[in-house]
């Protein structure tokens, strides 16, 4: 399980990198709320495929796992949008808000992926 968590962190780091890069580029063009949504779409696709293949080594049962991952992503998106809205309303720079989302999401995402999505 420790090796799996290390893989999760590494793969999650790649997904987080996609989230941060896409989110910050998009925030230069569109609103922070839309930037967070766009970043979640790109990092969600990346995360789903990489976590399935590398971390959890699950067989591709997209009809079973896909809807669970989408559900989890929507929960994370809602969380991210609440944090984005709250942070930007308080005058916190989007880069800091984006970083906070990136660091906190894995805390509840790993157990849900391990025991629900890729079970």
N, C-alpha and C. Protein backbone atom coordinates (compact mmCIF):
# COMPACT_ATOMS: atom_id res chain seq x y z
N UNK A 1 0.82 -1.19 0.00
CA UNK A 1 0.00 0.00 0.00
C UNK A 1 0.87 1.26 0.00
N UNK A 2 2.03 1.22 0.65
CA UNK A 2 2.92 2.38 0.67
C UNK A 2 3.43 2.68 -0.73
N UNK A 3 3.81 1.63 -1.47
CA UNK A 3 4.27 1.82 -2.85
C UNK A 3 3.14 2.41 -3.71
N UNK A 4 1.94 1.93 -3.47
CA UNK A 4 0.79 2.45 -4.21
C UNK A 4 0.56 3.93 -3.90
N UNK A 5 0.71 4.32 -2.65
CA UNK A 5 0.54 5.71 -2.27
C UNK A 5 1.64 6.57 -2.91
N UNK A 6 2.86 6.06 -2.97
CA UNK A 6 3.95 6.79 -3.62
C UNK A 6 3.64 6.98 -5.10
N UNK A 7 3.13 5.93 -5.75
CA UNK A 7 2.72 6.05 -7.15
C UNK A 7 1.59 7.08 -7.29
N UNK A 8 0.65 7.04 -6.35
CA UNK A 8 -0.47 7.98 -6.37
C UNK A 8 0.03 9.42 -6.29
N UNK A 9 0.98 9.66 -5.40
CA UNK A 9 1.54 11.00 -5.23
C UNK A 9 2.26 11.44 -6.51
N UNK A 10 3.04 10.54 -7.09
CA UNK A 10 3.77 10.86 -8.32
C UNK A 10 2.81 11.15 -9.47
N UNK A 11 1.87 10.25 -9.68
CA UNK A 11 0.90 10.43 -10.77
C UNK A 11 0.01 11.64 -10.47
N UNK A 12 -0.39 11.79 -9.21
CA UNK A 12 -1.17 12.95 -8.82
C UNK A 12 -0.40 14.24 -9.04
N UNK A 13 0.91 14.17 -8.83
CA UNK A 13 1.75 15.33 -9.09
C UNK A 13 1.71 15.74 -10.55
N UNK A 14 1.71 14.75 -11.43
CA UNK A 14 1.59 15.05 -12.87
C UNK A 14 0.23 15.68 -13.17
N UNK A 15 -0.83 15.10 -12.60
CA UNK A 15 -2.16 15.67 -12.79
C UNK A 15 -2.26 17.06 -12.20
N UNK A 16 -1.64 17.26 -11.05
CA UNK A 16 -1.64 18.58 -10.41
C UNK A 16 -0.86 19.59 -11.24
N UNK A 17 0.22 19.14 -11.83
CA UNK A 17 0.99 20.01 -12.70
C UNK A 17 0.14 20.47 -13.89
N UNK A 18 -0.61 19.54 -14.46
CA UNK A 18 -1.53 19.88 -15.55
C UNK A 18 -2.56 20.89 -15.04
N UNK A 19 -3.11 20.65 -13.84
CA UNK A 19 -4.10 21.54 -13.26
C UNK A 19 -3.54 22.95 -13.07
N UNK A 20 -2.36 23.04 -12.50
CA UNK A 20 -1.76 24.34 -12.22
C UNK A 20 -1.43 25.09 -13.51
N UNK A 21 -0.81 24.41 -14.46
CA UNK A 21 -0.42 25.07 -15.71
C UNK A 21 -1.64 25.52 -16.49
N UNK A 22 -2.58 24.61 -16.71
CA UNK A 22 -3.78 24.96 -17.48
C UNK A 22 -4.59 26.03 -16.75
N UNK A 23 -4.75 25.87 -15.43
CA UNK A 23 -5.53 26.84 -14.66
C UNK A 23 -4.94 28.24 -14.72
N UNK A 24 -3.64 28.34 -14.55
CA UNK A 24 -3.02 29.66 -14.55
C UNK A 24 -2.97 30.28 -15.95
N UNK A 25 -2.80 29.47 -16.98
CA UNK A 25 -2.85 30.00 -18.34
C UNK A 25 -4.28 30.45 -18.66
N UNK A 26 -5.24 29.61 -18.33
CA UNK A 26 -6.64 29.95 -18.61
C UNK A 26 -7.07 31.20 -17.84
N UNK A 27 -6.55 31.38 -16.63
CA UNK A 27 -6.93 32.54 -15.82
C UNK A 27 -6.46 33.86 -16.44
N UNK A 28 -5.51 33.78 -17.34
CA UNK A 28 -5.07 34.97 -18.06
C UNK A 28 -6.07 35.37 -19.15
N UNK A 29 -6.90 34.40 -19.54
CA UNK A 29 -7.80 34.61 -20.68
C UNK A 29 -9.26 34.70 -20.24
N UNK A 30 -9.64 33.88 -19.27
CA UNK A 30 -11.04 33.81 -18.82
C UNK A 30 -11.11 34.07 -17.32
N UNK A 31 -12.31 34.05 -16.77
CA UNK A 31 -12.49 34.28 -15.33
C UNK A 31 -11.85 33.16 -14.51
N UNK A 32 -11.49 33.44 -13.26
CA UNK A 32 -10.92 32.40 -12.41
C UNK A 32 -11.84 31.18 -12.25
N UNK A 33 -13.14 31.40 -12.19
CA UNK A 33 -14.08 30.28 -12.05
C UNK A 33 -14.02 29.37 -13.28
N UNK A 34 -14.03 29.96 -14.47
CA UNK A 34 -13.94 29.18 -15.70
C UNK A 34 -12.57 28.54 -15.84
N UNK A 35 -11.54 29.24 -15.40
CA UNK A 35 -10.18 28.68 -15.44
C UNK A 35 -10.08 27.42 -14.59
N UNK A 36 -10.69 27.45 -13.41
CA UNK A 36 -10.67 26.27 -12.54
C UNK A 36 -11.42 25.12 -13.20
N UNK A 37 -12.55 25.40 -13.82
CA UNK A 37 -13.32 24.36 -14.52
C UNK A 37 -12.49 23.75 -15.65
N UNK A 38 -11.89 24.57 -16.46
CA UNK A 38 -11.08 24.08 -17.59
C UNK A 38 -9.91 23.24 -17.08
N UNK A 39 -9.26 23.71 -16.02
CA UNK A 39 -8.13 22.97 -15.45
C UNK A 39 -8.58 21.60 -14.93
N UNK A 40 -9.76 21.53 -14.31
CA UNK A 40 -10.27 20.26 -13.81
C UNK A 40 -10.57 19.28 -14.95
N UNK A 41 -11.07 19.78 -16.06
CA UNK A 41 -11.36 18.91 -17.20
C UNK A 41 -10.06 18.25 -17.68
N UNK A 42 -9.05 19.06 -17.93
CA UNK A 42 -7.79 18.52 -18.44
C UNK A 42 -7.08 17.62 -17.43
N UNK A 43 -7.01 18.06 -16.18
CA UNK A 43 -6.33 17.25 -15.17
C UNK A 43 -7.15 16.01 -14.82
N UNK A 44 -8.47 16.10 -14.94
CA UNK A 44 -9.33 14.95 -14.67
C UNK A 44 -9.10 13.82 -15.66
N UNK A 45 -9.02 14.15 -16.91
CA UNK A 45 -8.76 13.13 -17.95
C UNK A 45 -7.38 12.53 -17.74
N UNK A 46 -6.40 13.38 -17.51
CA UNK A 46 -5.04 12.90 -17.27
C UNK A 46 -5.00 12.01 -16.03
N UNK A 47 -5.60 12.46 -14.94
CA UNK A 47 -5.58 11.70 -13.69
C UNK A 47 -6.28 10.37 -13.80
N UNK A 48 -7.45 10.33 -14.44
CA UNK A 48 -8.20 9.09 -14.58
C UNK A 48 -7.37 8.03 -15.29
N UNK A 49 -6.82 8.38 -16.42
CA UNK A 49 -6.08 7.41 -17.21
C UNK A 49 -4.79 6.97 -16.53
N UNK A 50 -4.04 7.92 -15.97
CA UNK A 50 -2.77 7.56 -15.34
C UNK A 50 -2.97 6.81 -14.02
N UNK A 51 -3.93 7.23 -13.21
CA UNK A 51 -4.17 6.51 -11.95
C UNK A 51 -4.65 5.09 -12.23
N UNK A 52 -5.52 4.94 -13.23
CA UNK A 52 -6.02 3.61 -13.57
C UNK A 52 -4.88 2.69 -13.99
N UNK A 53 -4.02 3.16 -14.88
CA UNK A 53 -2.96 2.32 -15.45
C UNK A 53 -1.77 2.15 -14.51
N UNK A 54 -1.30 3.23 -13.91
CA UNK A 54 -0.05 3.19 -13.16
C UNK A 54 -0.27 2.89 -11.68
N UNK A 55 -1.11 3.66 -11.01
CA UNK A 55 -1.25 3.54 -9.56
C UNK A 55 -2.04 2.31 -9.15
N UNK A 56 -3.26 2.19 -9.67
CA UNK A 56 -4.16 1.13 -9.21
C UNK A 56 -4.15 -0.09 -10.13
N UNK A 57 -3.47 0.00 -11.25
CA UNK A 57 -3.33 -1.08 -12.23
C UNK A 57 -4.66 -1.80 -12.45
N UNK A 58 -5.69 -1.01 -12.65
CA UNK A 58 -7.04 -1.55 -12.84
C UNK A 58 -7.29 -1.83 -14.31
N UNK A 59 -8.10 -2.85 -14.53
CA UNK A 59 -8.54 -3.13 -15.89
C UNK A 59 -9.47 -2.01 -16.32
N UNK A 60 -9.40 -1.66 -17.58
CA UNK A 60 -10.20 -0.54 -18.10
C UNK A 60 -11.67 -0.93 -18.19
N UNK A 61 -12.41 -0.71 -17.10
CA UNK A 61 -13.86 -0.93 -17.06
C UNK A 61 -14.50 0.45 -17.00
N UNK A 62 -14.45 1.15 -18.14
CA UNK A 62 -14.84 2.55 -18.15
C UNK A 62 -16.31 2.76 -17.77
N UNK A 63 -17.17 1.82 -18.08
CA UNK A 63 -18.58 2.00 -17.71
C UNK A 63 -18.76 1.94 -16.20
N UNK A 64 -17.96 1.15 -15.52
CA UNK A 64 -18.07 1.04 -14.06
C UNK A 64 -17.24 2.12 -13.37
N UNK A 65 -16.00 2.26 -13.79
CA UNK A 65 -15.10 3.19 -13.11
C UNK A 65 -15.28 4.63 -13.59
N UNK A 66 -15.63 4.78 -14.84
CA UNK A 66 -15.74 6.12 -15.41
C UNK A 66 -16.75 7.00 -14.71
N UNK A 67 -17.95 6.47 -14.45
CA UNK A 67 -18.97 7.30 -13.79
C UNK A 67 -18.59 7.62 -12.36
N UNK A 68 -17.88 6.68 -11.70
CA UNK A 68 -17.42 6.95 -10.33
C UNK A 68 -16.37 8.06 -10.34
N UNK A 69 -15.45 7.97 -11.30
CA UNK A 69 -14.41 8.99 -11.38
C UNK A 69 -15.00 10.35 -11.73
N UNK A 70 -15.97 10.36 -12.64
CA UNK A 70 -16.64 11.62 -12.99
C UNK A 70 -17.34 12.19 -11.76
N UNK A 71 -18.01 11.33 -10.99
CA UNK A 71 -18.67 11.79 -9.76
C UNK A 71 -17.67 12.40 -8.79
N UNK A 72 -16.56 11.71 -8.60
CA UNK A 72 -15.52 12.22 -7.71
C UNK A 72 -14.96 13.54 -8.24
N UNK A 73 -14.76 13.61 -9.54
CA UNK A 73 -14.25 14.84 -10.15
C UNK A 73 -15.23 15.99 -9.96
N UNK A 74 -16.53 15.71 -10.07
CA UNK A 74 -17.53 16.76 -9.86
C UNK A 74 -17.52 17.25 -8.41
N UNK A 75 -17.32 16.34 -7.48
CA UNK A 75 -17.21 16.73 -6.07
C UNK A 75 -15.97 17.62 -5.89
N UNK A 76 -14.85 17.19 -6.47
CA UNK A 76 -13.62 17.98 -6.36
C UNK A 76 -13.78 19.32 -7.08
N UNK A 77 -14.47 19.33 -8.20
CA UNK A 77 -14.72 20.58 -8.92
C UNK A 77 -15.55 21.54 -8.06
N UNK A 78 -16.60 21.02 -7.43
CA UNK A 78 -17.41 21.85 -6.54
C UNK A 78 -16.58 22.43 -5.42
N UNK A 79 -15.74 21.59 -4.82
CA UNK A 79 -14.84 22.05 -3.77
C UNK A 79 -13.92 23.14 -4.31
N UNK A 80 -13.34 22.88 -5.48
CA UNK A 80 -12.42 23.84 -6.09
C UNK A 80 -13.09 25.17 -6.42
N UNK A 81 -14.32 25.10 -6.91
CA UNK A 81 -15.03 26.33 -7.26
C UNK A 81 -15.39 27.13 -6.00
N UNK A 82 -15.76 26.44 -4.93
CA UNK A 82 -16.05 27.13 -3.67
C UNK A 82 -14.80 27.84 -3.14
N UNK A 83 -13.68 27.13 -3.18
CA UNK A 83 -12.41 27.72 -2.72
C UNK A 83 -12.02 28.88 -3.64
N UNK A 84 -12.17 28.69 -4.96
CA UNK A 84 -11.83 29.74 -5.91
C UNK A 84 -12.67 30.99 -5.66
N UNK A 85 -13.97 30.80 -5.54
CA UNK A 85 -14.87 31.93 -5.31
C UNK A 85 -14.53 32.63 -3.99
N UNK A 86 -14.39 31.84 -2.94
CA UNK A 86 -14.10 32.42 -1.62
C UNK A 86 -12.76 33.15 -1.61
N UNK A 87 -11.75 32.51 -2.16
CA UNK A 87 -10.43 33.12 -2.16
C UNK A 87 -10.36 34.39 -2.97
N UNK A 88 -10.93 34.36 -4.17
CA UNK A 88 -10.87 35.56 -5.01
C UNK A 88 -11.73 36.68 -4.45
N UNK A 89 -12.84 36.33 -3.79
CA UNK A 89 -13.66 37.36 -3.15
C UNK A 89 -12.92 38.02 -1.99
N UNK A 90 -12.03 37.27 -1.36
CA UNK A 90 -11.22 37.82 -0.27
C UNK A 90 -9.98 38.56 -0.77
N UNK A 91 -9.82 38.57 -2.10
CA UNK A 91 -8.69 39.28 -2.69
C UNK A 91 -7.40 38.49 -2.75
N UNK A 92 -7.49 37.18 -2.55
CA UNK A 92 -6.30 36.32 -2.63
C UNK A 92 -6.00 36.06 -4.10
N UNK A 93 -4.74 36.15 -4.48
CA UNK A 93 -4.34 35.93 -5.87
C UNK A 93 -4.69 34.51 -6.29
N UNK A 94 -5.09 34.38 -7.56
CA UNK A 94 -5.51 33.08 -8.07
C UNK A 94 -4.39 32.03 -7.96
N UNK A 95 -3.16 32.43 -8.15
CA UNK A 95 -2.05 31.47 -8.06
C UNK A 95 -2.03 30.80 -6.68
N UNK A 96 -2.29 31.55 -5.64
CA UNK A 96 -2.30 31.00 -4.28
C UNK A 96 -3.53 30.12 -4.07
N UNK A 97 -4.68 30.57 -4.55
CA UNK A 97 -5.90 29.77 -4.46
C UNK A 97 -5.72 28.45 -5.19
N UNK A 98 -5.17 28.51 -6.38
CA UNK A 98 -4.92 27.32 -7.20
C UNK A 98 -3.99 26.35 -6.46
N UNK A 99 -2.94 26.87 -5.85
CA UNK A 99 -2.00 26.04 -5.10
C UNK A 99 -2.70 25.36 -3.92
N UNK A 100 -3.54 26.09 -3.20
CA UNK A 100 -4.26 25.53 -2.06
C UNK A 100 -5.15 24.36 -2.50
N UNK A 101 -5.86 24.53 -3.59
CA UNK A 101 -6.71 23.46 -4.12
C UNK A 101 -5.86 22.25 -4.46
N UNK A 102 -4.75 22.49 -5.14
CA UNK A 102 -3.86 21.41 -5.58
C UNK A 102 -3.32 20.60 -4.41
N UNK A 103 -3.03 21.25 -3.30
CA UNK A 103 -2.45 20.56 -2.14
C UNK A 103 -3.52 19.82 -1.33
N UNK A 104 -4.73 20.35 -1.24
CA UNK A 104 -5.73 19.75 -0.35
C UNK A 104 -6.57 18.65 -0.99
N UNK A 105 -6.79 18.69 -2.28
CA UNK A 105 -7.64 17.69 -2.94
C UNK A 105 -7.16 16.24 -2.72
N UNK A 106 -5.86 15.95 -2.83
CA UNK A 106 -5.42 14.56 -2.65
C UNK A 106 -5.73 13.96 -1.28
N UNK A 107 -5.94 14.79 -0.27
CA UNK A 107 -6.21 14.26 1.07
C UNK A 107 -7.48 13.42 1.12
N UNK A 108 -8.49 13.79 0.35
CA UNK A 108 -9.70 12.98 0.33
C UNK A 108 -9.86 12.20 -0.97
N UNK A 109 -9.07 12.53 -1.96
CA UNK A 109 -9.19 11.86 -3.25
C UNK A 109 -8.59 10.44 -3.24
N UNK A 110 -7.44 10.26 -2.61
CA UNK A 110 -6.78 8.94 -2.61
C UNK A 110 -7.67 7.84 -2.05
N UNK A 111 -8.20 7.99 -0.83
CA UNK A 111 -9.02 6.89 -0.31
C UNK A 111 -10.27 6.62 -1.16
N UNK A 112 -10.86 7.66 -1.71
CA UNK A 112 -12.04 7.46 -2.55
C UNK A 112 -11.69 6.74 -3.85
N UNK A 113 -10.53 7.05 -4.40
CA UNK A 113 -10.12 6.35 -5.61
C UNK A 113 -9.76 4.90 -5.31
N UNK A 114 -9.02 4.69 -4.24
CA UNK A 114 -8.57 3.33 -3.90
C UNK A 114 -9.73 2.41 -3.55
N UNK A 115 -10.64 2.88 -2.73
CA UNK A 115 -11.69 1.99 -2.21
C UNK A 115 -13.02 2.08 -2.93
N UNK A 116 -13.16 3.03 -3.86
CA UNK A 116 -14.43 3.16 -4.54
C UNK A 116 -14.28 3.15 -6.06
N UNK A 117 -13.50 4.06 -6.60
CA UNK A 117 -13.40 4.19 -8.05
C UNK A 117 -12.74 2.99 -8.69
N UNK A 118 -11.55 2.64 -8.24
CA UNK A 118 -10.76 1.58 -8.88
C UNK A 118 -10.82 0.26 -8.14
N UNK A 119 -11.77 0.09 -7.26
CA UNK A 119 -11.89 -1.13 -6.45
C UNK A 119 -12.10 -2.34 -7.35
